[in-house]
Amino acid sequence: MFIPVEATPPSFKDFTLILPAVAVGNVAQLAVDLIVSTLRMTRVGFMHTDCLVPMVGPSPYATSAKTAGELHTTAEVYADAEKKLAVLQIRSPIIHSRSRKFRKVLVSWIKASGFAQTVVLSSSHAYQRDDQQLKGTPLRYLVTPAMQKASGTALTELGWMEMEKVSAFPGLVDTSAEPRLSVPGGGITKGLFSDSCQEELCLAVVLVFCSEGDNVPDAFTLVNHLNDWLLLVDNDKRGPQKWKVPSSWTLLFGNSHPPSIF
């Protein structure tokens, strides 16, 4: 359930929604952090659900002592009215037994809010790619039939590579088995994509193949790729310089070693 910050709920009609799938390396969440921080997006509400592990903490985007004292929760919605852009940031894992329920909550909210299109950022295990997925860039996309009609040609013109379907039985030659969509390590990505196809939502998935570790470079790769399509920031600047890294990233790997050990 969406709970607005202000008494008057914001209107998301014809907005683009960006949300992360909690997936390998937390790449999508890091990419969303960069978008919210760079665009200085305003927090407009929360998603109240029992499908996520409860969590509360200080502001991840603090720029002063005042904002550092704000409390933030597991799922929050940010908006930029000028760009007609909304972002749902998810900061904790989805409870496995409630993932289907959470997908239904998301689909219901997306439909009720009147978003023009939804973009799911995600990631997938690099070590589980098949031979055809080793070719070219590690970035892939998926679009629902509704999104194909609206923006499919734009993605093709950008030279993006669509996510390949893989053998149902890797390593075995079985011509009778239909290839299937597989997003290992992608969390709810595949399920949410399938639900969106059934509900005729205008939705795209943009993902990167990666491995666990320091996934900051993967986040920059993913958000730059997305920016080629949505033009969130000026593309004349290249590299990390055009994105504002949030203050919370200084704690990605915990505190530094205590000097006393030496």
Protein backbone atom coordinates (compact mmCIF):
# COMPACT_ATOMS: atom_id res chain seq x y z
CA MET A 1 0.00 0.00 0.00
CA PHE A 2 1.30 3.45 -0.96
CA ILE A 3 1.27 6.03 1.85
CA PRO A 4 1.91 9.64 0.75
CA VAL A 5 4.05 12.01 2.81
CA GLU A 6 1.65 14.92 2.30
CA ALA A 7 -2.08 14.95 3.00
CA THR A 8 -2.76 15.30 -0.73
CA PRO A 9 -1.49 12.22 -2.60
CA PRO A 10 0.80 13.00 -5.57
CA SER A 11 -0.38 12.30 -9.09
CA PHE A 12 1.77 9.90 -11.11
CA LYS A 13 -0.35 9.98 -14.27
CA ASP A 14 1.86 9.70 -17.36
CA PHE A 15 5.01 9.44 -15.21
CA THR A 16 7.83 7.00 -15.86
CA LEU A 17 8.45 4.69 -12.90
CA ILE A 18 11.88 3.23 -12.21
CA LEU A 19 12.26 0.49 -9.61
CA PRO A 20 14.99 -2.00 -8.70
CA ALA A 21 14.77 -5.75 -8.38
CA VAL A 22 16.67 -6.95 -5.32
CA ALA A 23 19.15 -9.06 -7.26
CA VAL A 24 22.79 -10.18 -7.42
CA GLY A 25 25.21 -7.52 -6.21
CA ASN A 26 22.39 -5.06 -5.38
CA VAL A 27 23.37 -3.36 -8.64
CA ALA A 28 19.87 -2.04 -9.37
CA GLN A 29 19.51 -0.50 -5.91
CA LEU A 30 22.87 1.24 -6.31
CA ALA A 31 21.81 2.54 -9.72
CA VAL A 32 18.58 3.91 -8.23
CA ASP A 33 20.64 5.59 -5.50
CA LEU A 34 22.57 7.45 -8.20
CA ILE A 35 19.38 8.60 -9.91
CA VAL A 36 17.74 9.86 -6.69
CA SER A 37 20.91 11.57 -5.48
CA THR A 38 21.82 13.21 -8.79
CA LEU A 39 18.35 14.52 -9.58
CA ARG A 40 17.76 15.56 -5.94
CA MET A 41 14.41 13.83 -6.06
CA THR A 42 11.81 14.53 -3.38
CA ARG A 43 10.49 11.77 -1.17
CA VAL A 44 6.72 11.70 -1.71
CA GLY A 45 5.66 8.49 0.00
CA PHE A 46 6.29 5.01 1.34
CA MET A 47 5.28 1.50 0.39
CA HIS A 48 3.82 -0.18 3.47
CA THR A 49 3.96 -3.97 3.06
CA ASP A 50 4.67 -7.08 5.09
CA CYS A 51 6.51 -8.61 2.13
CA LEU A 52 9.83 -6.90 2.88
CA VAL A 53 12.21 -7.41 5.79
CA PRO A 54 11.47 -4.45 8.13
CA MET A 55 14.21 -1.84 8.36
CA VAL A 56 14.68 1.77 9.39
CA GLY A 57 17.74 3.99 9.32
CA PRO A 58 19.13 7.48 8.69
CA SER A 59 18.91 9.29 5.37
CA PRO A 60 21.02 7.65 2.64
CA TYR A 61 21.08 10.95 0.73
CA ALA A 62 21.96 13.31 3.59
CA THR A 63 23.56 16.58 2.49
CA SER A 64 23.39 18.39 5.85
CA ALA A 65 23.02 17.74 9.57
CA LYS A 66 19.30 18.45 9.25
CA THR A 67 18.62 15.87 6.56
CA ALA A 68 20.94 13.35 8.24
CA GLY A 69 18.47 13.12 11.11
CA GLU A 70 15.59 11.98 8.90
CA LEU A 71 14.41 8.38 9.20
CA HIS A 72 14.00 6.24 6.10
CA THR A 73 12.37 2.85 5.61
CA THR A 74 12.53 -0.23 3.41
CA ALA A 75 10.56 1.03 0.41
CA GLU A 76 10.18 4.70 -0.47
CA VAL A 77 8.90 6.63 -3.46
CA TYR A 78 10.71 9.67 -4.85
CA ALA A 79 9.51 11.99 -7.60
CA ASP A 80 10.65 14.70 -9.98
CA ALA A 81 7.53 16.43 -11.30
CA GLU A 82 9.43 18.39 -13.95
CA LYS A 83 10.82 15.23 -15.53
CA LYS A 84 7.60 13.28 -14.85
CA LEU A 85 9.76 10.67 -13.16
CA ALA A 86 9.07 8.53 -10.09
CA VAL A 87 11.42 6.10 -8.41
CA LEU A 88 10.65 3.33 -5.94
CA GLN A 89 13.73 2.45 -3.92
CA ILE A 90 13.71 -0.93 -2.14
CA ARG A 91 16.33 -1.28 0.60
CA SER A 92 15.76 -4.74 2.08
CA PRO A 93 15.24 -8.30 0.83
CA ILE A 94 11.83 -9.60 -0.14
CA ILE A 95 10.58 -12.36 2.15
CA HIS A 96 10.78 -15.40 -0.12
CA SER A 97 7.39 -16.85 0.77
CA ARG A 98 5.73 -13.50 0.00
CA SER A 99 7.42 -12.65 -3.30
CA ARG A 100 4.30 -13.44 -5.34
CA LYS A 101 2.20 -11.26 -3.05
CA PHE A 102 4.72 -8.43 -3.41
CA ARG A 103 4.58 -8.69 -7.19
CA LYS A 104 0.80 -8.37 -7.04
CA VAL A 105 1.12 -5.31 -4.80
CA LEU A 106 3.49 -3.68 -7.30
CA VAL A 107 1.34 -4.47 -10.34
CA SER A 108 -1.79 -3.20 -8.59
CA TRP A 109 -0.07 0.06 -7.58
CA ILE A 110 1.40 0.61 -11.05
CA LYS A 111 -2.01 0.17 -12.68
CA ALA A 112 -3.83 2.35 -10.13
CA SER A 113 -1.25 5.16 -10.40
CA GLY A 114 -1.49 5.51 -14.17
CA PHE A 115 2.21 5.34 -14.95
CA ALA A 116 2.97 5.74 -18.65
CA GLN A 117 5.76 3.18 -18.46
CA THR A 118 7.71 1.22 -15.88
CA VAL A 119 11.40 0.32 -15.99
CA VAL A 120 12.72 -2.46 -13.78
CA LEU A 121 16.47 -2.37 -13.19
CA SER A 122 18.02 -5.73 -12.40
CA SER A 123 21.10 -7.96 -12.56
CA SER A 124 21.86 -11.61 -13.23
CA HIS A 125 24.69 -14.01 -12.41
CA ALA A 126 27.44 -13.65 -15.00
CA TYR A 127 28.71 -17.18 -14.41
CA GLN A 128 25.38 -18.69 -15.49
CA ARG A 129 25.33 -17.18 -18.98
CA ASP A 130 25.17 -19.57 -21.90
CA ASP A 131 27.38 -19.25 -25.01
CA GLN A 132 25.17 -16.78 -26.89
CA GLN A 133 24.98 -14.50 -23.85
CA LEU A 134 28.78 -14.26 -23.72
CA LYS A 135 28.77 -12.28 -26.95
CA GLY A 136 28.82 -8.49 -26.95
CA THR A 137 27.87 -6.27 -24.03
CA PRO A 138 26.85 -7.67 -20.60
CA LEU A 139 23.71 -5.50 -20.76
CA ARG A 140 20.31 -6.85 -21.82
CA TYR A 141 16.69 -5.76 -21.95
CA LEU A 142 13.19 -7.24 -21.98
CA VAL A 143 9.94 -5.55 -22.99
CA THR A 144 6.32 -6.53 -22.58
CA PRO A 145 4.13 -6.56 -25.72
CA ALA A 146 2.62 -3.23 -24.64
CA MET A 147 6.05 -1.66 -24.24
CA GLN A 148 7.16 -3.13 -27.57
CA LYS A 149 4.41 -1.16 -29.28
CA ALA A 150 5.29 2.05 -27.41
CA SER A 151 9.11 2.05 -27.28
CA GLY A 152 10.43 -1.16 -28.77
CA THR A 153 11.75 0.53 -31.90
CA ALA A 154 13.62 3.12 -29.83
CA LEU A 155 15.55 0.41 -28.00
CA THR A 156 16.34 -1.36 -31.25
CA GLU A 157 17.65 1.88 -32.74
CA LEU A 158 19.93 2.29 -29.73
CA GLY A 159 21.47 -1.08 -30.60
CA TRP A 160 20.42 -2.69 -27.33
CA MET A 161 20.53 -6.48 -27.05
CA GLU A 162 17.39 -8.31 -26.00
CA MET A 163 17.71 -10.98 -23.31
CA GLU A 164 18.15 -14.34 -25.01
CA LYS A 165 16.08 -17.36 -24.12
CA VAL A 166 18.15 -20.36 -23.06
CA SER A 167 17.82 -24.12 -23.29
CA ALA A 168 15.41 -25.68 -20.83
CA PHE A 169 18.06 -28.34 -20.17
CA PRO A 170 21.52 -26.72 -20.43
CA GLY A 171 24.16 -29.08 -21.81
CA LEU A 172 21.63 -31.43 -23.39
CA VAL A 173 20.57 -31.45 -27.02
CA ASP A 174 16.79 -31.61 -26.94
CA THR A 175 15.15 -30.10 -30.00
CA SER A 176 11.67 -30.77 -28.62
CA ALA A 177 12.12 -28.47 -25.60
CA GLU A 178 11.24 -24.82 -26.11
CA PRO A 179 13.90 -22.29 -25.01
CA ARG A 180 12.87 -20.41 -21.90
CA LEU A 181 13.51 -17.08 -20.24
CA SER A 182 15.92 -17.40 -17.33
CA VAL A 183 17.26 -14.63 -15.06
CA PRO A 184 19.37 -16.44 -12.43
CA GLY A 185 20.02 -14.26 -9.42
CA GLY A 186 17.45 -11.74 -10.63
CA GLY A 187 15.02 -11.98 -7.70
CA ILE A 188 11.46 -11.13 -8.77
CA THR A 189 12.57 -9.92 -12.22
CA LYS A 190 11.22 -12.82 -14.25
CA GLY A 191 8.00 -13.13 -12.23
CA LEU A 192 7.25 -9.41 -12.37
CA PHE A 193 7.93 -9.37 -16.10
CA SER A 194 5.55 -12.30 -16.67
CA ASP A 195 2.86 -10.69 -14.49
CA SER A 196 3.22 -7.44 -16.42
CA CYS A 197 2.81 -9.26 -19.74
CA GLN A 198 -0.42 -10.83 -18.49
CA GLU A 199 -1.71 -7.50 -17.16
CA GLU A 200 -0.72 -5.70 -20.39
CA LEU A 201 1.51 -3.22 -18.55
CA CYS A 202 3.97 -1.04 -20.44
CA LEU A 203 7.12 -2.37 -18.75
CA ALA A 204 10.77 -2.87 -19.63
CA VAL A 205 13.54 -4.70 -17.78
CA VAL A 206 17.10 -3.40 -18.10
CA LEU A 207 19.72 -5.67 -16.56
CA VAL A 208 23.44 -6.36 -16.40
CA PHE A 209 25.30 -9.64 -16.00
CA CYS A 210 27.64 -9.36 -13.01
CA SER A 211 29.23 -11.17 -10.06
CA GLU A 212 29.06 -10.50 -6.33
CA GLY A 213 31.73 -8.16 -4.96
CA ASP A 214 32.34 -4.46 -5.43
CA ASN A 215 29.40 -3.73 -7.71
CA VAL A 216 29.72 0.05 -7.87
CA PRO A 217 31.20 -0.10 -11.41
CA ASP A 218 28.26 -2.29 -12.48
CA ALA A 219 25.83 0.30 -11.10
CA PHE A 220 27.46 3.05 -13.15
CA THR A 221 27.37 0.81 -16.23
CA LEU A 222 23.67 0.10 -15.72
CA VAL A 223 22.60 3.68 -15.03
CA ASN A 224 24.62 5.05 -17.97
CA HIS A 225 22.96 2.48 -20.22
CA LEU A 226 19.53 3.53 -18.95
CA ASN A 227 20.43 7.18 -19.46
CA ASP A 228 21.10 6.56 -23.16
CA TRP A 229 17.38 5.82 -23.44
CA LEU A 230 15.64 8.03 -20.88
CA LEU A 231 18.11 10.96 -20.93
CA LEU A 232 17.85 11.55 -17.19
CA VAL A 233 21.01 13.70 -17.11
CA ASP A 234 23.18 15.48 -19.66
CA ASN A 235 24.90 12.88 -21.81
CA ASP A 236 27.68 15.28 -22.79
CA LYS A 237 29.44 14.40 -19.55
CA ARG A 238 30.91 10.93 -19.55
CA GLY A 239 31.81 8.55 -16.75
CA PRO A 240 30.99 8.82 -13.04
CA GLN A 241 31.35 12.63 -13.02
CA LYS A 242 27.78 13.22 -14.20
CA TRP A 243 26.32 11.18 -11.32
CA LYS A 244 26.26 12.35 -7.69
CA VAL A 245 27.32 9.57 -5.33
CA PRO A 246 25.14 9.59 -2.17
CA SER A 247 26.78 10.02 1.22
CA SER A 248 25.65 6.55 2.34
CA TRP A 249 28.06 4.93 -0.12
CA THR A 250 30.96 5.67 2.23
CA LEU A 251 29.52 2.84 4.35
CA LEU A 252 29.03 0.24 1.60
CA PHE A 253 31.74 -1.98 3.05
CA GLY A 254 31.40 -0.99 6.70
CA ASN A 255 33.79 1.01 8.81
CA SER A 256 37.52 1.12 8.15
CA HIS A 257 39.90 -0.92 10.31
CA PRO A 258 40.58 0.43 13.80
CA PRO A 259 44.09 1.98 14.01
CA SER A 260 44.59 0.36 17.41
CA ILE A 261 45.15 -3.06 15.81
CA PHE A 262 48.57 -1.82 14.69
